[in-house]
N, C-alpha and C. Protein backbone atom coordinates (compact mmCIF):
# COMPACT_ATOMS: atom_id res chain seq x y z
N MET A 1 -21.91 -16.70 11.69
CA MET A 1 -21.32 -15.28 12.76
C MET A 1 -20.54 -15.14 11.39
N LEU A 2 -20.96 -13.65 12.02
CA LEU A 2 -20.37 -12.59 10.68
C LEU A 2 -18.96 -12.15 11.51
N TYR A 3 -17.72 -11.96 10.40
CA TYR A 3 -16.51 -11.41 10.47
C TYR A 3 -16.93 -10.18 9.73
N GLU A 4 -16.85 -9.62 10.51
CA GLU A 4 -15.75 -7.69 10.17
C GLU A 4 -14.83 -7.37 10.28
N GLY A 5 -13.84 -6.49 9.68
CA GLY A 5 -12.99 -6.31 10.32
C GLY A 5 -13.15 -5.01 10.82
N ASP A 6 -12.65 -3.49 11.55
CA ASP A 6 -13.22 -2.20 11.73
C ASP A 6 -11.91 -1.18 11.84
N PHE A 7 -12.29 -0.26 12.13
CA PHE A 7 -11.29 0.52 12.23
C PHE A 7 -10.87 1.14 13.76
N SER A 8 -10.79 0.36 14.68
CA SER A 8 -10.68 0.79 16.03
C SER A 8 -8.69 0.53 15.75
N PRO A 9 -7.71 1.37 16.27
CA PRO A 9 -6.84 1.58 16.83
C PRO A 9 -5.97 0.07 16.81
N PRO A 10 -5.05 -0.29 15.82
CA PRO A 10 -4.51 -1.66 15.49
C PRO A 10 -3.62 -1.64 16.78
N ASP A 11 -2.95 -3.12 16.79
CA ASP A 11 -1.58 -3.14 17.09
C ASP A 11 -0.44 -3.35 16.46
N GLY A 12 0.44 -3.15 16.27
CA GLY A 12 1.74 -3.37 15.70
C GLY A 12 2.17 -2.42 15.02
N ARG A 13 3.25 -2.71 14.34
CA ARG A 13 4.14 -1.84 13.23
C ARG A 13 3.13 -2.12 11.90
N PHE A 14 3.27 -0.81 11.13
CA PHE A 14 3.34 -0.50 9.64
C PHE A 14 4.33 -0.59 9.21
N VAL A 15 4.23 -0.74 7.40
CA VAL A 15 5.35 0.05 6.55
C VAL A 15 4.98 -0.03 4.97
N LEU A 16 4.97 1.19 5.03
CA LEU A 16 4.77 1.54 3.44
C LEU A 16 5.62 1.45 2.67
N VAL A 17 5.77 0.94 1.29
CA VAL A 17 6.77 0.06 0.84
C VAL A 17 6.53 0.90 -0.55
N ALA A 18 7.57 2.81 -1.08
CA ALA A 18 7.14 3.50 -1.65
C ALA A 18 7.72 3.44 -2.70
N ALA A 19 7.79 3.52 -4.17
CA ALA A 19 8.38 3.25 -5.22
C ALA A 19 9.08 4.85 -4.96
N ARG A 20 10.29 5.42 -5.66
CA ARG A 20 10.88 6.81 -6.03
C ARG A 20 10.41 6.82 -7.39
N PHE A 21 10.38 6.27 -8.21
CA PHE A 21 9.81 6.47 -9.90
C PHE A 21 8.23 7.63 -9.57
N ASN A 22 8.11 8.27 -10.26
CA ASN A 22 6.68 8.96 -10.33
C ASN A 22 7.05 9.77 -8.98
N GLY A 23 7.71 10.02 -8.20
CA GLY A 23 8.10 9.94 -6.74
C GLY A 23 7.22 11.40 -6.31
N PHE A 24 7.18 12.47 -7.30
CA PHE A 24 5.77 13.63 -6.79
C PHE A 24 4.31 13.21 -6.57
N ILE A 25 4.50 12.35 -6.69
CA ILE A 25 2.71 11.72 -6.90
C ILE A 25 2.84 10.65 -5.82
N VAL A 26 3.53 9.89 -5.62
CA VAL A 26 4.07 8.81 -4.54
C VAL A 26 4.27 9.61 -3.39
N ASP A 27 4.56 10.51 -3.18
CA ASP A 27 5.05 11.66 -2.51
C ASP A 27 3.37 11.64 -1.71
N GLN A 28 2.45 11.90 -2.38
CA GLN A 28 1.41 11.93 -1.89
C GLN A 28 0.42 10.81 -1.56
N LEU A 29 0.97 10.14 -2.01
CA LEU A 29 0.51 8.61 -1.30
C LEU A 29 0.93 8.67 -0.18
N VAL A 30 2.39 8.65 0.13
CA VAL A 30 2.63 8.32 1.52
C VAL A 30 2.23 9.36 2.39
N ALA A 31 2.22 10.55 2.26
CA ALA A 31 1.19 11.94 3.04
C ALA A 31 -0.61 11.40 3.64
N GLY A 32 -0.87 10.97 2.46
CA GLY A 32 -1.88 10.54 3.00
C GLY A 32 -2.32 9.02 3.89
N ALA A 33 -1.00 8.05 3.33
CA ALA A 33 -1.35 7.05 4.10
C ALA A 33 -0.98 7.03 5.51
N THR A 34 0.39 8.42 5.52
CA THR A 34 0.79 8.21 7.28
C THR A 34 -0.37 9.06 7.89
N ASP A 35 -1.12 10.08 7.18
CA ASP A 35 -2.60 10.75 8.04
C ASP A 35 -3.34 9.71 8.31
N ALA A 36 -3.51 8.86 7.61
CA ALA A 36 -4.72 7.84 7.72
C ALA A 36 -4.21 7.09 9.07
N PHE A 37 -2.92 6.36 9.01
CA PHE A 37 -2.67 5.75 10.15
C PHE A 37 -2.58 6.47 11.47
N ARG A 38 -2.01 8.06 11.44
CA ARG A 38 -2.24 8.39 12.75
C ARG A 38 -3.94 9.15 13.17
N ARG A 39 -4.70 8.93 12.18
CA ARG A 39 -5.81 9.18 12.59
C ARG A 39 -7.10 7.97 12.94
N HIS A 40 -6.09 6.49 12.61
CA HIS A 40 -6.82 5.31 13.14
C HIS A 40 -5.75 4.97 14.23
N GLY A 41 -4.99 6.04 14.72
CA GLY A 41 -4.50 5.45 16.35
C GLY A 41 -3.09 4.60 16.11
N VAL A 42 -2.55 5.21 15.28
CA VAL A 42 -1.08 4.59 14.80
C VAL A 42 -0.08 5.67 15.23
N SER A 43 0.53 5.64 15.89
CA SER A 43 1.55 6.76 15.90
C SER A 43 2.45 6.68 15.52
N ASP A 44 3.85 7.92 14.44
CA ASP A 44 4.24 7.92 13.64
C ASP A 44 5.59 6.80 14.40
N ASP A 45 5.70 6.20 15.28
CA ASP A 45 7.06 5.97 15.62
C ASP A 45 6.80 4.23 15.29
N ARG A 46 5.47 3.79 14.77
CA ARG A 46 5.31 2.63 14.96
C ARG A 46 5.32 2.57 12.97
N ILE A 47 4.96 3.68 12.36
CA ILE A 47 5.30 3.67 10.75
C ILE A 47 6.80 3.67 10.45
N ASP A 48 7.13 3.09 9.34
CA ASP A 48 7.84 2.86 8.88
C ASP A 48 8.21 3.22 7.01
N LEU A 49 9.39 3.51 6.69
CA LEU A 49 8.86 3.88 5.37
C LEU A 49 10.42 3.14 4.66
N VAL A 50 10.10 2.73 3.26
CA VAL A 50 11.18 2.27 2.84
C VAL A 50 10.93 2.48 1.43
N ARG A 51 11.83 3.06 0.86
CA ARG A 51 11.79 3.04 -0.68
C ARG A 51 12.38 2.43 -1.49
N VAL A 52 11.93 2.30 -2.77
CA VAL A 52 12.39 0.80 -3.84
C VAL A 52 12.10 2.25 -4.95
N PRO A 53 12.94 1.34 -6.00
CA PRO A 53 13.30 2.59 -7.56
C PRO A 53 11.95 2.58 -7.93
N GLY A 54 11.04 1.74 -8.27
CA GLY A 54 9.83 1.85 -8.86
C GLY A 54 8.69 0.75 -8.49
N ALA A 55 7.80 1.04 -8.99
CA ALA A 55 6.78 -0.20 -9.23
C ALA A 55 7.08 -1.68 -9.19
N TYR A 56 7.74 -1.94 -10.10
CA TYR A 56 8.55 -3.19 -10.07
C TYR A 56 8.94 -3.68 -8.98
N GLU A 57 9.57 -2.99 -8.36
CA GLU A 57 10.59 -3.63 -7.12
C GLU A 57 10.03 -3.70 -5.95
N ILE A 58 8.75 -3.35 -6.10
CA ILE A 58 8.00 -3.51 -4.82
C ILE A 58 7.47 -4.40 -4.50
N PRO A 59 7.55 -5.93 -5.06
CA PRO A 59 6.20 -6.72 -4.71
C PRO A 59 7.84 -7.38 -4.02
N LEU A 60 8.80 -7.92 -4.38
CA LEU A 60 10.08 -8.29 -4.11
C LEU A 60 10.30 -7.72 -1.75
N VAL A 61 10.27 -6.49 -1.70
CA VAL A 61 10.54 -6.08 -1.03
C VAL A 61 9.51 -5.94 0.28
N ALA A 62 8.12 -5.99 -0.33
CA ALA A 62 6.97 -6.34 0.26
C ALA A 62 6.90 -7.84 0.73
N GLN A 63 7.24 -8.60 0.10
CA GLN A 63 7.18 -9.77 0.23
C GLN A 63 8.48 -9.96 1.67
N ARG A 64 9.53 -9.68 1.91
CA ARG A 64 10.49 -9.69 2.72
C ARG A 64 9.96 -8.95 3.70
N LEU A 65 9.01 -7.79 3.87
CA LEU A 65 9.34 -7.25 5.40
C LEU A 65 7.90 -7.78 5.54
N GLY A 66 6.83 -8.15 4.75
CA GLY A 66 5.71 -9.15 5.26
C GLY A 66 6.04 -10.38 5.96
N ALA A 67 7.03 -11.38 5.29
CA ALA A 67 7.66 -12.66 5.86
C ALA A 67 8.58 -12.21 7.61
N SER A 68 8.76 -10.72 7.62
CA SER A 68 9.52 -10.58 8.83
C SER A 68 9.26 -10.75 9.99
N GLY A 69 7.97 -11.02 10.02
CA GLY A 69 7.59 -10.71 11.64
C GLY A 69 7.27 -9.53 12.02
N THR A 70 7.52 -8.71 11.73
CA THR A 70 8.08 -7.52 12.27
C THR A 70 6.57 -6.48 11.83
N PHE A 71 5.51 -6.47 11.16
CA PHE A 71 5.11 -5.73 10.35
C PHE A 71 3.22 -6.16 10.96
N ALA A 72 2.56 -5.43 11.24
CA ALA A 72 1.19 -6.22 11.50
C ALA A 72 0.25 -5.86 9.75
N ALA A 73 0.89 -5.04 8.86
CA ALA A 73 0.60 -5.13 7.51
C ALA A 73 1.69 -4.06 6.77
N VAL A 74 1.62 -4.16 5.29
CA VAL A 74 2.74 -3.48 4.55
C VAL A 74 1.89 -3.11 3.96
N VAL A 75 1.74 -1.61 3.52
CA VAL A 75 1.18 -0.58 2.20
C VAL A 75 2.25 -0.52 1.30
N CYS A 76 1.55 -1.21 0.07
CA CYS A 76 2.49 -1.01 -1.24
C CYS A 76 2.21 0.24 -1.61
N LEU A 77 2.94 1.46 -2.73
CA LEU A 77 2.46 2.57 -2.84
C LEU A 77 3.48 2.95 -3.78
N GLY A 78 2.86 3.44 -5.37
CA GLY A 78 3.44 3.87 -6.24
C GLY A 78 2.84 4.24 -7.55
N CYS A 79 3.25 4.36 -9.12
CA CYS A 79 2.16 5.28 -9.84
C CYS A 79 2.94 4.56 -11.12
N VAL A 80 2.19 4.41 -11.87
CA VAL A 80 2.49 3.65 -13.32
C VAL A 80 1.46 4.32 -13.83
N ILE A 81 2.40 5.49 -15.07
CA ILE A 81 1.13 6.10 -16.06
C ILE A 81 1.41 5.91 -17.31
N ARG A 82 0.36 4.88 -18.27
CA ARG A 82 0.89 4.93 -19.35
C ARG A 82 1.60 5.67 -20.20
N GLY A 83 2.16 5.50 -20.89
CA GLY A 83 3.34 5.70 -22.17
C GLY A 83 2.69 5.20 -23.39
N ASP A 84 3.68 5.72 -24.57
CA ASP A 84 3.72 5.03 -25.67
C ASP A 84 3.81 3.68 -26.19
N THR A 85 4.47 3.10 -24.42
CA THR A 85 5.07 1.46 -25.33
C THR A 85 4.30 0.66 -24.44
N ASP A 86 4.45 -0.31 -24.42
CA ASP A 86 3.95 -2.33 -23.56
C ASP A 86 4.60 -1.48 -22.60
N HIS A 87 5.31 -1.01 -22.33
CA HIS A 87 6.19 -1.29 -20.69
C HIS A 87 5.22 -0.77 -19.65
N TYR A 88 4.61 0.03 -19.65
CA TYR A 88 3.06 0.27 -18.94
C TYR A 88 2.57 -1.16 -18.52
N ASP A 89 2.40 -1.54 -19.07
CA ASP A 89 1.24 -3.11 -19.22
C ASP A 89 2.44 -4.23 -18.54
N HIS A 90 3.57 -4.15 -19.03
CA HIS A 90 4.06 -5.24 -17.99
C HIS A 90 4.92 -4.61 -16.24
N VAL A 91 4.83 -3.41 -16.43
CA VAL A 91 5.18 -2.87 -14.80
C VAL A 91 4.01 -3.34 -14.29
N ALA A 92 2.92 -2.70 -14.77
CA ALA A 92 1.53 -2.45 -13.99
C ALA A 92 0.91 -4.24 -13.41
N GLY A 93 1.69 -4.89 -14.16
CA GLY A 93 0.48 -6.22 -14.26
C GLY A 93 2.03 -6.96 -13.55
N ALA A 94 3.05 -6.89 -13.32
CA ALA A 94 3.88 -7.35 -12.32
C ALA A 94 3.86 -6.50 -10.67
N ALA A 95 3.69 -5.72 -10.74
CA ALA A 95 2.99 -5.39 -9.28
C ALA A 95 2.20 -5.76 -8.66
N THR A 96 0.95 -5.63 -9.98
CA THR A 96 -0.45 -6.09 -9.23
C THR A 96 -0.40 -7.93 -8.90
N SER A 97 0.27 -8.42 -9.98
CA SER A 97 0.46 -10.38 -9.20
C SER A 97 1.20 -10.14 -8.00
N GLY A 98 2.38 -9.43 -8.41
CA GLY A 98 3.73 -9.76 -7.11
C GLY A 98 2.63 -9.30 -6.35
N ILE A 99 2.29 -8.55 -5.70
CA ILE A 99 1.77 -7.82 -4.62
C ILE A 99 1.08 -8.88 -4.34
N ALA A 100 -0.29 -9.32 -4.77
CA ALA A 100 -0.83 -10.57 -3.91
C ALA A 100 -0.16 -11.65 -3.56
N GLN A 101 0.99 -11.69 -4.22
CA GLN A 101 1.75 -13.19 -4.15
C GLN A 101 2.33 -13.05 -3.29
N ALA A 102 3.29 -11.73 -2.89
CA ALA A 102 3.46 -11.56 -1.29
C ALA A 102 2.43 -11.16 -0.30
N ALA A 103 1.26 -10.71 -0.23
CA ALA A 103 0.26 -11.51 0.80
C ALA A 103 0.17 -12.65 1.12
N LEU A 104 -0.34 -13.56 0.15
CA LEU A 104 -0.53 -14.50 0.01
C LEU A 104 0.55 -15.76 0.69
N ALA A 105 1.62 -15.65 -0.03
CA ALA A 105 3.14 -16.05 0.73
C ALA A 105 3.61 -15.51 2.12
N SER A 106 3.46 -14.42 2.28
CA SER A 106 3.34 -14.18 3.97
C SER A 106 2.25 -13.76 4.85
N GLY A 107 1.37 -13.95 4.19
CA GLY A 107 0.46 -14.22 5.68
C GLY A 107 0.02 -13.00 6.51
N VAL A 108 0.60 -11.97 5.75
CA VAL A 108 0.29 -10.79 6.26
C VAL A 108 -0.46 -9.59 5.70
N PRO A 109 -1.58 -9.25 5.50
CA PRO A 109 -1.74 -8.09 4.59
C PRO A 109 -0.77 -7.59 3.61
N VAL A 110 -0.92 -7.28 2.83
CA VAL A 110 -0.01 -6.38 1.64
C VAL A 110 -1.22 -5.95 0.85
N VAL A 111 -0.95 -4.48 0.98
CA VAL A 111 -2.16 -3.76 0.73
C VAL A 111 -1.87 -2.96 -0.87
N PHE A 112 -2.57 -3.01 -1.84
CA PHE A 112 -2.18 -2.50 -2.98
C PHE A 112 -2.93 -0.97 -3.05
N GLY A 113 -1.53 -0.59 -3.15
CA GLY A 113 -2.16 1.37 -3.39
C GLY A 113 -1.56 1.77 -4.84
N VAL A 114 -0.75 1.36 -5.35
CA VAL A 114 -0.13 1.11 -6.70
C VAL A 114 -1.19 2.39 -7.79
N LEU A 115 -0.70 3.32 -7.72
CA LEU A 115 -1.61 3.87 -8.98
C LEU A 115 -1.31 3.38 -10.64
N THR A 116 -2.43 2.84 -11.32
CA THR A 116 -2.32 2.11 -12.65
C THR A 116 -2.94 3.73 -13.62
N CYS A 117 -2.89 4.13 -14.03
CA CYS A 117 -3.40 5.36 -14.55
C CYS A 117 -2.80 6.11 -16.03
N ASP A 118 -3.89 6.11 -16.70
CA ASP A 118 -3.89 6.52 -18.49
C ASP A 118 -2.77 7.75 -18.53
N THR A 119 -3.08 8.86 -17.29
CA THR A 119 -2.27 10.43 -17.71
C THR A 119 -2.09 10.84 -16.32
N LEU A 120 -1.27 11.56 -16.43
CA LEU A 120 -0.96 12.12 -14.93
C LEU A 120 -1.63 12.45 -14.31
N GLU A 121 -2.76 13.29 -15.27
CA GLU A 121 -4.12 14.26 -14.77
C GLU A 121 -4.47 12.78 -13.66
N GLN A 122 -4.93 12.18 -14.15
CA GLN A 122 -5.58 11.14 -13.43
C GLN A 122 -4.91 10.71 -12.15
N ALA A 123 -3.56 10.42 -12.44
CA ALA A 123 -2.45 9.75 -11.36
C ALA A 123 -2.58 11.08 -10.63
N ILE A 124 -2.93 12.41 -10.57
CA ILE A 124 -3.15 13.49 -10.33
C ILE A 124 -3.84 13.72 -8.98
N HIS A 125 -5.04 13.37 -9.48
CA HIS A 125 -6.60 13.38 -9.04
C HIS A 125 -6.80 12.40 -7.65
N ARG A 126 -6.25 11.14 -8.40
CA ARG A 126 -6.14 9.87 -7.07
C ARG A 126 -4.94 10.27 -6.14
N ALA A 127 -4.28 11.00 -5.89
CA ALA A 127 -2.93 11.16 -5.24
C ALA A 127 -3.42 12.46 -4.07
N GLY A 128 -4.93 12.85 -4.12
CA GLY A 128 -5.42 13.93 -3.36
C GLY A 128 -5.66 15.07 -3.84
N ALA A 129 -6.05 14.89 -4.97
CA ALA A 129 -6.59 16.48 -5.73
C ALA A 129 -8.09 16.53 -6.02
N LYS A 130 -8.82 15.58 -6.48
CA LYS A 130 -10.24 14.79 -6.35
C LYS A 130 -10.97 14.11 -6.76
N ALA A 131 -9.88 12.97 -6.24
CA ALA A 131 -10.52 11.76 -6.42
C ALA A 131 -9.92 10.82 -4.77
N GLY A 132 -9.74 12.23 -4.17
CA GLY A 132 -9.37 11.30 -2.58
C GLY A 132 -7.61 11.19 -2.90
N ASN A 133 -7.12 10.43 -2.00
CA ASN A 133 -6.19 10.16 -2.21
C ASN A 133 -6.18 8.46 -1.79
N LYS A 134 -5.73 7.65 -2.80
CA LYS A 134 -5.34 5.98 -2.89
C LYS A 134 -4.65 5.62 -1.45
N GLY A 135 -3.57 6.54 -1.56
CA GLY A 135 -2.69 6.65 -0.11
C GLY A 135 -3.04 6.18 1.51
N PHE A 136 -4.47 7.52 1.53
CA PHE A 136 -5.12 7.69 2.65
C PHE A 136 -6.20 5.85 2.34
N GLU A 137 -6.42 5.62 1.33
CA GLU A 137 -7.27 4.40 1.19
C GLU A 137 -6.95 3.46 1.82
N ALA A 138 -5.56 3.02 1.26
CA ALA A 138 -4.75 2.19 1.24
C ALA A 138 -4.26 1.70 2.54
N ALA A 139 -4.19 2.49 3.42
CA ALA A 139 -3.42 2.83 5.05
C ALA A 139 -4.87 1.91 5.94
N VAL A 140 -6.29 2.99 5.58
CA VAL A 140 -7.19 2.70 5.93
C VAL A 140 -7.93 0.87 5.65
N CYS A 141 -7.50 0.75 5.10
CA CYS A 141 -7.82 -1.07 4.36
C CYS A 141 -6.76 -1.72 5.07
N ALA A 142 -4.97 -1.20 5.39
CA ALA A 142 -4.53 -1.50 5.99
C ALA A 142 -5.14 -1.99 7.79
N VAL A 143 -5.76 -1.28 7.96
CA VAL A 143 -6.37 -1.39 10.06
C VAL A 143 -7.04 -2.26 9.70
N GLU A 144 -7.92 -1.91 8.47
CA GLU A 144 -9.05 -3.02 8.64
C GLU A 144 -8.68 -4.21 8.87
N MET A 145 -8.15 -4.34 7.74
CA MET A 145 -7.64 -5.51 7.34
C MET A 145 -6.92 -6.64 8.96
N VAL A 146 -5.88 -5.80 9.25
CA VAL A 146 -5.23 -6.05 10.68
C VAL A 146 -6.10 -6.94 11.62
N ASN A 147 -7.51 -5.82 11.56
CA ASN A 147 -8.10 -6.50 12.53
C ASN A 147 -9.34 -7.50 12.01
N LEU A 148 -9.81 -7.49 10.74
CA LEU A 148 -10.47 -8.68 11.29
C LEU A 148 -9.48 -10.02 11.43
N LEU A 149 -8.44 -9.84 10.59
CA LEU A 149 -7.54 -11.13 10.78
C LEU A 149 -7.21 -11.67 11.85
N LYS A 150 -7.00 -10.62 13.06
CA LYS A 150 -7.79 -11.18 14.66
C LYS A 150 -8.74 -11.77 15.02
N LYS A 151 -9.83 -11.71 14.39
CA LYS A 151 -11.25 -11.97 14.31
C LYS A 151 -11.27 -13.10 14.38
N LEU A 152 -10.20 -13.94 12.92
CA LEU A 152 -10.63 -15.01 12.23
C LEU A 152 -10.60 -16.24 12.65
N PRO A 153 -10.86 -17.07 12.88
CA PRO A 153 -10.19 -18.62 13.49
C PRO A 153 -9.26 -19.21 12.75
N GLY A 154 -8.71 -19.69 13.16
CA GLY A 154 -7.35 -20.33 12.66
C GLY A 154 -5.93 -19.48 12.62
C-alpha cells in the first residue's frame, strides 16, 4: 500500500515559531506561511505566531509547542546569514539539529523553514523575491505532513 500526504484542508491548529533576528526577511516568511495556510483551508483563527529572539532559540520553543498537544504542526521560520566568523556555522547547525530533534521528541511535524544563506541577497530571493517563498513552502509541507500522519498506521 502507498501512503502519501495530500493538500486537503487539515484539521487542528498550527503555530509559526519565528525569529525576530533578521526580521525584515523573517516577516516575509511569516507572510508566505500564513498565505499558504489560508490557501489550504486553514483559517486565521487556527494559526498562532510565537516570536523568539533568533534561530538558535527556535528548537526549544518548537519542542515545547509540539509536545503541548495543542498543535497539529509547528513551522519554524528564521534567517541565518553567513558573516565573517564561525558564528553562522554554530547557529545554523544548532537550529537544524534542534528542529529535527523537536520533531522526533514531540511526534508532531516540526517543519524546517530557516533560511541559511551566504548573502543577504540570497535571503531576499528565498523570502519571496526570485526563488519563491520558503515560508510558503514550509507551511505547505506542514499541511502535507499532518495529512500523511493521519493515514499512517500506529
